[in-house]
Amino acid sequence: MCIMKEMSKQFIGLRIQSIRRNQKITQSKLAEACEVSVEAISNIERGVNYPSFENLKNICRFLNCPLSDILDFTDNVSKKRLNMETRSITAIRQLSDSKLEVALRILEVL
């Protein structure tokens, strides 16, 4: 149980860190937006502490991502894959409808 708890803290932290980095946002900017210290963000990202619900809500709001992007524990993915998936989601959200349709067709062929 204790190992699972530590893994979930690290998983949440890695997800937040990956989304933040993919958006080229510093820990300092995220901390300022969430009205917490840089150390608090660092501790969350390193899996030292869980974010409070209020902080998690503020992090999601600032990073413009749904809570499910951070809390989805349905798969055990590598750090590299998690980073690639997060980058893909970020890129997809920036596409126009017509470009998204083309991207979807390409992915379906793969």
Protein backbone atom coordinates (compact mmCIF):
# COMPACT_ATOMS: atom_id res chain seq x y z
CA MET A 1 0.00 0.00 0.00
CA CYS A 2 2.77 2.44 0.94
CA ILE A 3 4.62 1.72 -2.32
CA MET A 4 1.44 2.35 -4.31
CA LYS A 5 0.91 5.66 -2.52
CA GLU A 6 4.47 6.77 -3.33
CA MET A 7 4.06 5.71 -6.96
CA SER A 8 0.84 7.69 -7.30
CA LYS A 9 2.54 10.82 -5.90
CA GLN A 10 5.34 10.40 -8.42
CA PHE A 11 2.89 9.70 -11.24
CA ILE A 12 0.87 12.85 -10.52
CA GLY A 13 4.06 14.88 -10.25
CA LEU A 14 5.42 13.52 -13.53
CA ARG A 15 2.17 14.30 -15.32
CA ILE A 16 2.13 17.88 -14.04
CA GLN A 17 5.80 18.34 -14.89
CA SER A 18 5.37 16.92 -18.39
CA ILE A 19 2.38 19.12 -19.21
CA ARG A 20 4.12 22.19 -17.78
CA ARG A 21 7.35 21.58 -19.71
CA ASN A 22 5.54 20.87 -22.97
CA GLN A 23 3.89 24.27 -22.64
CA LYS A 24 7.30 25.83 -21.88
CA ILE A 25 6.10 27.15 -18.54
CA THR A 26 8.58 27.50 -15.70
CA GLN A 27 7.96 26.25 -12.19
CA SER A 28 8.20 29.87 -11.12
CA LYS A 29 5.37 30.97 -13.44
CA LEU A 30 3.19 28.05 -12.37
CA ALA A 31 3.88 28.76 -8.70
CA GLU A 32 3.01 32.42 -9.15
CA ALA A 33 -0.23 31.60 -10.95
CA CYS A 34 -1.22 29.13 -8.22
CA GLU A 35 -0.09 31.42 -5.41
CA VAL A 36 2.30 28.84 -3.95
CA SER A 37 6.07 28.68 -3.62
CA VAL A 38 8.38 27.32 -6.30
CA GLU A 39 9.45 24.77 -3.69
CA ALA A 40 5.83 23.57 -3.39
CA ILE A 41 5.61 23.02 -7.17
CA SER A 42 9.00 21.29 -7.14
CA ASN A 43 7.90 18.99 -4.31
CA ILE A 44 4.71 18.11 -6.16
CA GLU A 45 6.55 17.38 -9.43
CA ARG A 46 9.17 15.24 -7.68
CA GLY A 47 6.48 13.23 -5.92
CA VAL A 48 7.46 14.45 -2.46
CA ASN A 49 3.99 15.85 -1.74
CA TYR A 50 0.51 15.52 -3.16
CA PRO A 51 -1.01 18.78 -4.36
CA SER A 52 -4.02 19.94 -2.38
CA PHE A 53 -7.29 19.81 -4.27
CA GLU A 54 -7.27 23.61 -4.50
CA ASN A 55 -3.71 23.62 -5.89
CA LEU A 56 -4.55 20.83 -8.32
CA LYS A 57 -7.55 22.80 -9.55
CA ASN A 58 -5.38 25.91 -10.01
CA ILE A 59 -2.64 23.95 -11.77
CA CYS A 60 -5.16 22.47 -14.22
CA ARG A 61 -6.74 25.86 -14.83
CA PHE A 62 -3.37 27.53 -15.51
CA LEU A 63 -2.10 24.68 -17.70
CA ASN A 64 -5.47 24.55 -19.47
CA CYS A 65 -5.79 20.80 -19.03
CA PRO A 66 -8.58 18.65 -17.64
CA LEU A 67 -8.03 17.00 -14.28
CA SER A 68 -8.24 13.61 -16.00
CA ASP A 69 -4.97 14.37 -17.86
CA ILE A 70 -3.22 14.35 -14.49
CA LEU A 71 -5.18 11.72 -12.56
CA ASP A 72 -5.69 9.01 -15.19
CA PHE A 73 -4.13 5.91 -13.61
CA THR A 74 -5.56 3.44 -16.10
CA ASP A 75 -2.21 2.57 -17.58
CA ASN A 76 1.35 2.13 -16.40
CA VAL A 77 3.26 4.12 -19.00
CA SER A 78 6.92 4.99 -19.19
CA LYS A 79 8.09 8.53 -18.62
CA LYS A 80 9.04 8.78 -22.32
CA ARG A 81 5.60 7.64 -23.49
CA LEU A 82 3.84 9.92 -21.01
CA ASN A 83 5.84 12.84 -22.36
CA MET A 84 5.03 11.93 -25.97
CA GLU A 85 1.31 11.56 -25.22
CA THR A 86 1.23 14.89 -23.42
CA ARG A 87 3.03 16.63 -26.28
CA SER A 88 0.58 15.05 -28.74
CA ILE A 89 -2.44 16.24 -26.78
CA THR A 90 -1.00 19.75 -26.55
CA ALA A 91 -0.36 19.81 -30.32
CA ILE A 92 -3.82 18.44 -31.11
CA ARG A 93 -5.55 21.11 -29.05
CA GLN A 94 -3.83 23.78 -31.14
CA LEU A 95 -4.99 22.40 -34.50
CA SER A 96 -7.83 23.87 -36.52
CA ASP A 97 -10.75 21.54 -37.21
CA SER A 98 -9.58 20.88 -40.76
CA LYS A 99 -6.00 20.09 -39.72
CA LEU A 100 -7.27 17.86 -36.91
CA GLU A 101 -9.31 15.91 -39.44
CA VAL A 102 -6.18 15.39 -41.61
CA ALA A 103 -4.13 14.35 -38.56
CA LEU A 104 -6.79 11.85 -37.54
CA ARG A 105 -6.80 10.28 -41.01
CA ILE A 106 -3.01 9.93 -40.89
CA LEU A 107 -3.14 8.31 -37.44
CA GLU A 108 -5.82 5.86 -38.56
CA VAL A 109 -3.57 4.71 -41.42
CA LEU A 110 -0.73 4.01 -39.00
